Amino acid sequence: MAYADYYFYIQVYSGEHSQEDGIDRWLEMASDELDVFTFGRLMNAFPVEDAHAAKVKKAVCAIADALYLVDVQRKAAAPQKQEDGSYHGAVSSVSSGGESISYSKVDSGSVYAEAAASKEKEFELVRSIAFKYLAGIPDANGVNLLYAGVG
């Protein structure tokens, strides 16, 4: 179950992606990512204070946006086979005699491109977003959501 819904994503977070972009799927995946960083605390003790609940929902939306953009970069980097048997993808240019190949360019300087190329970078990106929103935010039992110790 996603901790933020499409209404919150659009109306409160002011997200830019639509349901046609599959944002509901990304909100679900982002919620799963937060469960990892919060050690499952959100499943059993979602914050009851409105301000704290809003921070969790904003974290979900921000992570969903990041995951979506990482996926866009992955798809742009991967060669795609076309109906005619040709491939289009990350190669920017190749020349050999009279033949030439050029594929779509990837935004190689962005954090999303780095995350698309490395699971470690993707983990770091998601973690940084989670920490930005959830630092100091307690669950319904008063335990910091990011606390990794024994409760």
N, C-alpha and C. Protein backbone atom coordinates (compact mmCIF):
# COMPACT_ATOMS: atom_id res chain seq x y z
N MET A 1 0.83 -1.18 0.00
CA MET A 1 0.00 0.00 0.00
C MET A 1 0.88 1.25 0.00
N ALA A 2 0.61 2.16 -0.91
CA ALA A 2 1.36 3.40 -0.99
C ALA A 2 0.96 4.33 0.15
N TYR A 3 1.94 5.00 0.72
CA TYR A 3 1.68 5.93 1.82
C TYR A 3 1.19 7.28 1.33
N ALA A 4 1.33 7.55 0.04
CA ALA A 4 0.80 8.78 -0.56
C ALA A 4 0.01 8.38 -1.80
N ASP A 5 -1.10 9.04 -2.03
CA ASP A 5 -1.91 8.73 -3.21
C ASP A 5 -1.75 9.81 -4.28
N TYR A 6 -2.37 9.58 -5.41
CA TYR A 6 -2.26 10.50 -6.54
C TYR A 6 -2.77 11.89 -6.18
N TYR A 7 -3.86 11.96 -5.43
CA TYR A 7 -4.40 13.26 -5.02
C TYR A 7 -3.35 14.05 -4.24
N PHE A 8 -2.72 13.42 -3.26
CA PHE A 8 -1.69 14.11 -2.47
C PHE A 8 -0.52 14.51 -3.38
N TYR A 9 -0.13 13.61 -4.25
CA TYR A 9 0.99 13.87 -5.16
C TYR A 9 0.74 15.13 -5.99
N ILE A 10 -0.45 15.26 -6.54
CA ILE A 10 -0.77 16.39 -7.41
C ILE A 10 -1.12 17.65 -6.61
N GLN A 11 -2.03 17.52 -5.65
CA GLN A 11 -2.57 18.69 -4.96
C GLN A 11 -1.66 19.28 -3.88
N VAL A 12 -0.95 18.45 -3.15
CA VAL A 12 -0.12 18.94 -2.04
C VAL A 12 1.35 19.02 -2.45
N TYR A 13 1.86 17.94 -2.97
CA TYR A 13 3.28 17.88 -3.37
C TYR A 13 3.54 18.66 -4.66
N SER A 14 2.51 18.88 -5.45
CA SER A 14 2.60 19.55 -6.75
C SER A 14 3.44 18.76 -7.75
N GLY A 15 3.23 17.46 -7.78
CA GLY A 15 3.96 16.60 -8.69
C GLY A 15 3.60 16.87 -10.14
N GLU A 16 4.50 16.50 -11.03
CA GLU A 16 4.34 16.79 -12.45
C GLU A 16 3.95 15.59 -13.30
N HIS A 17 4.00 14.40 -12.72
CA HIS A 17 3.72 13.21 -13.52
C HIS A 17 2.27 12.79 -13.37
N SER A 18 1.74 12.21 -14.43
CA SER A 18 0.32 11.85 -14.44
C SER A 18 0.13 10.36 -14.19
N GLN A 19 -1.12 10.00 -14.06
CA GLN A 19 -1.42 8.58 -13.92
C GLN A 19 -1.07 7.83 -15.20
N GLU A 20 -1.09 8.52 -16.34
CA GLU A 20 -0.68 7.90 -17.59
C GLU A 20 0.81 7.57 -17.57
N ASP A 21 1.60 8.34 -16.79
CA ASP A 21 3.03 8.06 -16.63
C ASP A 21 3.26 6.87 -15.69
N GLY A 22 2.18 6.40 -15.07
CA GLY A 22 2.30 5.29 -14.13
C GLY A 22 2.73 5.73 -12.74
N ILE A 23 2.42 6.96 -12.38
CA ILE A 23 2.91 7.49 -11.10
C ILE A 23 2.39 6.68 -9.91
N ASP A 24 1.22 6.08 -10.03
CA ASP A 24 0.71 5.26 -8.92
C ASP A 24 1.67 4.10 -8.63
N ARG A 25 2.21 3.52 -9.67
CA ARG A 25 3.19 2.43 -9.50
C ARG A 25 4.44 2.95 -8.82
N TRP A 26 4.89 4.15 -9.20
CA TRP A 26 6.10 4.72 -8.60
C TRP A 26 5.86 5.11 -7.14
N LEU A 27 4.65 5.56 -6.81
CA LEU A 27 4.32 5.87 -5.41
C LEU A 27 4.37 4.60 -4.57
N GLU A 28 3.90 3.51 -5.14
CA GLU A 28 3.95 2.22 -4.44
C GLU A 28 5.39 1.77 -4.23
N MET A 29 6.19 1.87 -5.26
CA MET A 29 7.59 1.48 -5.15
C MET A 29 8.34 2.37 -4.15
N ALA A 30 8.04 3.65 -4.16
CA ALA A 30 8.68 4.58 -3.22
C ALA A 30 8.30 4.24 -1.78
N SER A 31 7.07 3.84 -1.57
CA SER A 31 6.63 3.42 -0.23
C SER A 31 7.41 2.20 0.23
N ASP A 32 7.63 1.28 -0.69
CA ASP A 32 8.43 0.09 -0.37
C ASP A 32 9.86 0.48 0.00
N GLU A 33 10.41 1.44 -0.72
CA GLU A 33 11.76 1.93 -0.40
C GLU A 33 11.80 2.53 1.00
N LEU A 34 10.78 3.31 1.36
CA LEU A 34 10.74 3.91 2.70
C LEU A 34 10.63 2.86 3.78
N ASP A 35 9.93 1.77 3.49
CA ASP A 35 9.85 0.69 4.47
C ASP A 35 11.23 0.14 4.80
N VAL A 36 12.11 0.10 3.82
CA VAL A 36 13.48 -0.36 4.06
C VAL A 36 14.21 0.61 4.99
N PHE A 37 14.13 1.89 4.68
CA PHE A 37 14.87 2.89 5.46
C PHE A 37 14.29 3.13 6.85
N THR A 38 13.00 2.81 7.03
CA THR A 38 12.37 3.01 8.34
C THR A 38 12.23 1.70 9.10
N PHE A 39 12.84 0.64 8.59
CA PHE A 39 12.82 -0.66 9.26
C PHE A 39 11.40 -1.16 9.49
N GLY A 40 10.51 -0.84 8.56
CA GLY A 40 9.13 -1.30 8.62
C GLY A 40 8.24 -0.55 9.61
N ARG A 41 8.75 0.49 10.23
CA ARG A 41 7.97 1.21 11.24
C ARG A 41 6.70 1.84 10.67
N LEU A 42 6.74 2.26 9.44
CA LEU A 42 5.56 2.91 8.85
C LEU A 42 4.39 1.95 8.72
N MET A 43 4.67 0.67 8.51
CA MET A 43 3.60 -0.31 8.34
C MET A 43 2.79 -0.48 9.63
N ASN A 44 3.45 -0.36 10.76
CA ASN A 44 2.78 -0.63 12.04
C ASN A 44 2.51 0.61 12.87
N ALA A 45 3.22 1.69 12.61
CA ALA A 45 3.07 2.87 13.45
C ALA A 45 3.22 4.15 12.62
N PHE A 46 2.37 4.29 11.60
CA PHE A 46 2.40 5.48 10.75
C PHE A 46 2.17 6.71 11.63
N PRO A 47 2.94 7.77 11.44
CA PRO A 47 2.79 8.96 12.29
C PRO A 47 1.35 9.47 12.34
N VAL A 48 0.91 9.83 13.54
CA VAL A 48 -0.45 10.32 13.71
C VAL A 48 -0.53 11.83 13.62
N GLU A 49 0.54 12.51 13.93
CA GLU A 49 0.55 13.98 13.84
C GLU A 49 0.56 14.38 12.37
N ASP A 50 -0.33 15.29 11.99
CA ASP A 50 -0.50 15.67 10.59
C ASP A 50 0.80 16.13 9.93
N ALA A 51 1.58 16.94 10.63
CA ALA A 51 2.82 17.46 10.05
C ALA A 51 3.81 16.32 9.77
N HIS A 52 3.87 15.35 10.66
CA HIS A 52 4.77 14.21 10.48
C HIS A 52 4.28 13.30 9.35
N ALA A 53 2.98 13.07 9.30
CA ALA A 53 2.41 12.25 8.22
C ALA A 53 2.65 12.91 6.86
N ALA A 54 2.53 14.24 6.81
CA ALA A 54 2.76 14.97 5.56
C ALA A 54 4.21 14.83 5.11
N LYS A 55 5.16 14.83 6.04
CA LYS A 55 6.57 14.65 5.68
C LYS A 55 6.81 13.27 5.08
N VAL A 56 6.17 12.26 5.64
CA VAL A 56 6.30 10.90 5.09
C VAL A 56 5.73 10.87 3.68
N LYS A 57 4.57 11.46 3.48
CA LYS A 57 3.94 11.46 2.16
C LYS A 57 4.78 12.24 1.14
N LYS A 58 5.37 13.35 1.57
CA LYS A 58 6.24 14.12 0.67
C LYS A 58 7.49 13.32 0.31
N ALA A 59 8.01 12.58 1.28
CA ALA A 59 9.16 11.72 1.01
C ALA A 59 8.80 10.68 -0.05
N VAL A 60 7.63 10.09 0.06
CA VAL A 60 7.16 9.11 -0.92
C VAL A 60 7.08 9.75 -2.31
N CYS A 61 6.53 10.93 -2.39
CA CYS A 61 6.38 11.62 -3.67
C CYS A 61 7.74 11.96 -4.28
N ALA A 62 8.65 12.46 -3.46
CA ALA A 62 9.99 12.81 -3.96
C ALA A 62 10.74 11.58 -4.43
N ILE A 63 10.63 10.49 -3.69
CA ILE A 63 11.30 9.25 -4.09
C ILE A 63 10.65 8.69 -5.36
N ALA A 64 9.33 8.79 -5.46
CA ALA A 64 8.64 8.33 -6.67
C ALA A 64 9.12 9.11 -7.89
N ASP A 65 9.25 10.41 -7.76
CA ASP A 65 9.77 11.22 -8.86
C ASP A 65 11.18 10.78 -9.24
N ALA A 66 12.02 10.56 -8.25
CA ALA A 66 13.41 10.15 -8.52
C ALA A 66 13.45 8.79 -9.21
N LEU A 67 12.67 7.84 -8.72
CA LEU A 67 12.66 6.51 -9.32
C LEU A 67 12.16 6.58 -10.77
N TYR A 68 11.16 7.41 -11.01
CA TYR A 68 10.65 7.59 -12.36
C TYR A 68 11.74 8.13 -13.28
N LEU A 69 12.45 9.17 -12.82
CA LEU A 69 13.49 9.78 -13.65
C LEU A 69 14.69 8.86 -13.86
N VAL A 70 15.01 8.04 -12.88
CA VAL A 70 16.06 7.03 -13.05
C VAL A 70 15.63 6.03 -14.12
N ASP A 71 14.38 5.62 -14.09
CA ASP A 71 13.87 4.69 -15.08
C ASP A 71 13.91 5.29 -16.48
N VAL A 72 13.57 6.56 -16.60
CA VAL A 72 13.65 7.24 -17.90
C VAL A 72 15.08 7.20 -18.42
N GLN A 73 16.04 7.45 -17.55
CA GLN A 73 17.45 7.41 -17.95
C GLN A 73 17.87 5.99 -18.37
N ARG A 74 17.42 5.00 -17.61
CA ARG A 74 17.75 3.60 -17.95
C ARG A 74 17.22 3.24 -19.34
N LYS A 75 15.99 3.64 -19.59
CA LYS A 75 15.39 3.32 -20.89
C LYS A 75 16.09 4.05 -22.02
N ALA A 76 16.52 5.28 -21.76
CA ALA A 76 17.23 6.05 -22.79
C ALA A 76 18.60 5.46 -23.06
N ALA A 77 19.21 4.87 -22.04
CA ALA A 77 20.57 4.31 -22.18
C ALA A 77 20.57 2.94 -22.83
N ALA A 78 19.49 2.22 -22.71
CA ALA A 78 19.44 0.84 -23.22
C ALA A 78 19.10 0.84 -24.71
N PRO A 79 19.89 0.14 -25.50
CA PRO A 79 19.54 0.03 -26.92
C PRO A 79 18.18 -0.66 -27.08
N GLN A 80 17.33 -0.09 -27.88
CA GLN A 80 15.99 -0.63 -28.09
C GLN A 80 15.88 -1.19 -29.51
N LYS A 81 15.44 -2.43 -29.61
CA LYS A 81 15.26 -3.03 -30.94
C LYS A 81 13.97 -2.52 -31.56
N GLN A 82 14.08 -2.07 -32.77
CA GLN A 82 12.94 -1.53 -33.50
C GLN A 82 12.28 -2.63 -34.33
N GLU A 83 11.11 -2.34 -34.88
CA GLU A 83 10.38 -3.31 -35.70
C GLU A 83 11.17 -3.75 -36.92
N ASP A 84 11.99 -2.85 -37.46
CA ASP A 84 12.76 -3.19 -38.65
C ASP A 84 14.05 -3.96 -38.33
N GLY A 85 14.26 -4.28 -37.04
CA GLY A 85 15.45 -5.03 -36.64
C GLY A 85 16.62 -4.16 -36.23
N SER A 86 16.50 -2.85 -36.44
CA SER A 86 17.59 -1.95 -36.04
C SER A 86 17.48 -1.65 -34.54
N TYR A 87 18.54 -1.09 -33.99
CA TYR A 87 18.58 -0.74 -32.57
C TYR A 87 18.75 0.76 -32.41
N HIS A 88 18.10 1.30 -31.40
CA HIS A 88 18.26 2.70 -31.03
C HIS A 88 18.48 2.73 -29.53
N GLY A 89 19.44 3.54 -29.07
CA GLY A 89 19.74 3.58 -27.65
C GLY A 89 20.89 4.50 -27.33
N ALA A 90 21.76 4.08 -26.44
CA ALA A 90 22.76 4.94 -25.84
C ALA A 90 23.93 5.35 -26.74
N VAL A 91 24.29 4.59 -27.75
CA VAL A 91 25.45 4.93 -28.57
C VAL A 91 25.18 6.26 -29.26
N SER A 92 26.11 7.20 -29.13
CA SER A 92 25.87 8.50 -29.73
C SER A 92 26.30 8.55 -31.18
N SER A 93 27.36 7.81 -31.55
CA SER A 93 27.78 7.83 -32.94
C SER A 93 28.84 6.78 -33.19
N VAL A 94 28.75 6.10 -34.33
CA VAL A 94 29.75 5.13 -34.77
C VAL A 94 29.82 5.25 -36.29
N SER A 95 31.00 5.28 -36.81
CA SER A 95 31.16 5.35 -38.27
C SER A 95 32.12 4.27 -38.73
N SER A 96 31.79 3.62 -39.82
CA SER A 96 32.66 2.61 -40.41
C SER A 96 32.41 2.61 -41.91
N GLY A 97 33.36 3.16 -42.64
CA GLY A 97 33.17 3.24 -44.10
C GLY A 97 31.96 4.09 -44.41
N GLY A 98 31.00 3.49 -45.09
CA GLY A 98 29.79 4.21 -45.46
C GLY A 98 28.66 4.06 -44.47
N GLU A 99 28.89 3.30 -43.38
CA GLU A 99 27.84 3.09 -42.39
C GLU A 99 28.01 4.03 -41.20
N SER A 100 26.91 4.37 -40.60
CA SER A 100 26.93 5.25 -39.43
C SER A 100 25.82 4.84 -38.48
N ILE A 101 26.09 4.88 -37.18
CA ILE A 101 25.09 4.57 -36.17
C ILE A 101 25.04 5.74 -35.19
N SER A 102 23.86 6.21 -34.88
CA SER A 102 23.73 7.21 -33.82
C SER A 102 22.44 6.94 -33.06
N TYR A 103 22.54 6.86 -31.74
CA TYR A 103 21.40 6.58 -30.89
C TYR A 103 21.09 7.79 -30.03
N SER A 104 19.99 7.73 -29.31
CA SER A 104 19.59 8.85 -28.47
C SER A 104 20.61 9.14 -27.39
N LYS A 105 20.76 10.41 -27.10
CA LYS A 105 21.73 10.85 -26.11
C LYS A 105 21.15 10.76 -24.71
N VAL A 106 21.97 10.31 -23.77
CA VAL A 106 21.57 10.20 -22.37
C VAL A 106 22.13 11.40 -21.63
N ASP A 107 21.38 11.91 -20.67
CA ASP A 107 21.82 13.03 -19.84
C ASP A 107 22.84 12.50 -18.84
N SER A 108 24.08 12.34 -19.29
CA SER A 108 25.09 11.65 -18.49
C SER A 108 25.57 12.45 -17.28
N GLY A 109 25.27 13.73 -17.19
CA GLY A 109 25.75 14.53 -16.07
C GLY A 109 24.80 14.59 -14.89
N SER A 110 23.64 14.00 -14.99
CA SER A 110 22.65 14.13 -13.93
C SER A 110 22.78 13.03 -12.88
N VAL A 111 22.28 13.30 -11.69
CA VAL A 111 22.26 12.29 -10.63
C VAL A 111 21.38 11.11 -11.04
N TYR A 112 20.38 11.37 -11.87
CA TYR A 112 19.48 10.31 -12.31
C TYR A 112 20.20 9.37 -13.28
N ALA A 113 21.04 9.92 -14.13
CA ALA A 113 21.82 9.08 -15.04
C ALA A 113 22.82 8.25 -14.26
N GLU A 114 23.45 8.85 -13.25
CA GLU A 114 24.38 8.10 -12.41
C GLU A 114 23.65 6.98 -11.67
N ALA A 115 22.46 7.29 -11.16
CA ALA A 115 21.67 6.27 -10.46
C ALA A 115 21.21 5.18 -11.40
N ALA A 116 20.93 5.54 -12.65
CA ALA A 116 20.51 4.54 -13.64
C ALA A 116 21.65 3.59 -13.96
N ALA A 117 22.88 4.06 -13.86
CA ALA A 117 24.04 3.25 -14.21
C ALA A 117 24.55 2.41 -13.04
N SER A 118 24.11 2.73 -11.82
CA SER A 118 24.65 2.04 -10.65
C SER A 118 23.59 1.88 -9.56
N LYS A 119 23.37 0.64 -9.13
CA LYS A 119 22.41 0.40 -8.04
C LYS A 119 22.85 1.09 -6.76
N GLU A 120 24.16 1.17 -6.53
CA GLU A 120 24.68 1.87 -5.35
C GLU A 120 24.32 3.35 -5.39
N LYS A 121 24.47 3.98 -6.54
CA LYS A 121 24.12 5.39 -6.69
C LYS A 121 22.61 5.60 -6.54
N GLU A 122 21.83 4.64 -7.05
CA GLU A 122 20.38 4.73 -6.89
C GLU A 122 20.01 4.65 -5.41
N PHE A 123 20.63 3.72 -4.69
CA PHE A 123 20.40 3.58 -3.25
C PHE A 123 20.76 4.87 -2.53
N GLU A 124 21.91 5.46 -2.87
CA GLU A 124 22.35 6.71 -2.25
C GLU A 124 21.36 7.84 -2.53
N LEU A 125 20.86 7.91 -3.74
CA LEU A 125 19.89 8.94 -4.11
C LEU A 125 18.62 8.81 -3.29
N VAL A 126 18.08 7.60 -3.24
CA VAL A 126 16.84 7.37 -2.49
C VAL A 126 17.06 7.63 -1.00
N ARG A 127 18.20 7.17 -0.48
CA ARG A 127 18.51 7.38 0.94
C ARG A 127 18.60 8.87 1.26
N SER A 128 19.24 9.64 0.40
CA SER A 128 19.38 11.07 0.66
C SER A 128 18.02 11.77 0.68
N ILE A 129 17.12 11.34 -0.17
CA ILE A 129 15.77 11.91 -0.18
C ILE A 129 15.03 11.52 1.10
N ALA A 130 15.12 10.25 1.48
CA ALA A 130 14.46 9.79 2.70
C ALA A 130 14.98 10.56 3.90
N PHE A 131 16.28 10.73 4.00
CA PHE A 131 16.87 11.45 5.13
C PHE A 131 16.44 12.90 5.14
N LYS A 132 16.36 13.51 3.98
CA LYS A 132 15.95 14.92 3.89
C LYS A 132 14.57 15.13 4.51
N TYR A 133 13.65 14.25 4.21
CA TYR A 133 12.27 14.41 4.68
C TYR A 133 12.02 13.80 6.06
N LEU A 134 12.71 12.74 6.42
CA LEU A 134 12.34 11.98 7.62
C LEU A 134 13.25 12.20 8.83
N ALA A 135 14.31 12.97 8.69
CA ALA A 135 15.20 13.22 9.83
C ALA A 135 14.40 13.85 10.97
N GLY A 136 14.44 13.20 12.11
CA GLY A 136 13.76 13.71 13.30
C GLY A 136 12.27 13.46 13.36
N ILE A 137 11.72 12.75 12.40
CA ILE A 137 10.28 12.48 12.38
C ILE A 137 10.00 11.18 13.13
N PRO A 138 9.13 11.23 14.16
CA PRO A 138 8.82 10.01 14.92
C PRO A 138 7.63 9.25 14.32
N ASP A 139 7.59 7.96 14.62
CA ASP A 139 6.42 7.17 14.25
C ASP A 139 5.33 7.38 15.31
N ALA A 140 4.25 6.65 15.22
CA ALA A 140 3.13 6.81 16.16
C ALA A 140 3.52 6.45 17.59
N ASN A 141 4.61 5.69 17.76
CA ASN A 141 5.08 5.30 19.10
C ASN A 141 6.15 6.24 19.63
N GLY A 142 6.49 7.27 18.87
CA GLY A 142 7.50 8.23 19.30
C GLY A 142 8.93 7.85 18.95
N VAL A 143 9.12 6.78 18.19
CA VAL A 143 10.46 6.34 17.79
C VAL A 143 10.80 7.01 16.46
N ASN A 144 12.00 7.58 16.39
CA ASN A 144 12.44 8.21 15.16
C ASN A 144 12.37 7.19 14.03
N LEU A 145 11.77 7.57 12.90
CA LEU A 145 11.59 6.65 11.79
C LEU A 145 12.92 6.12 11.24
N LEU A 146 13.98 6.89 11.35
CA LEU A 146 15.26 6.46 10.82
C LEU A 146 16.16 5.82 11.87
N TYR A 147 15.67 5.66 13.08
CA TYR A 147 16.46 5.08 14.16
C TYR A 147 16.75 3.62 13.87
N ALA A 148 18.04 3.26 13.86
CA ALA A 148 18.44 1.90 13.51
C ALA A 148 18.74 1.03 14.72
N GLY A 149 18.66 1.60 15.92
CA GLY A 149 18.99 0.84 17.12
C GLY A 149 17.83 0.00 17.62
N VAL A 150 18.04 -0.60 18.76
CA VAL A 150 17.01 -1.42 19.38
C VAL A 150 16.04 -0.51 20.09
N GLY A 151 14.75 -0.69 19.82
CA GLY A 151 13.73 0.19 20.38
C GLY A 151 13.16 -0.26 21.61
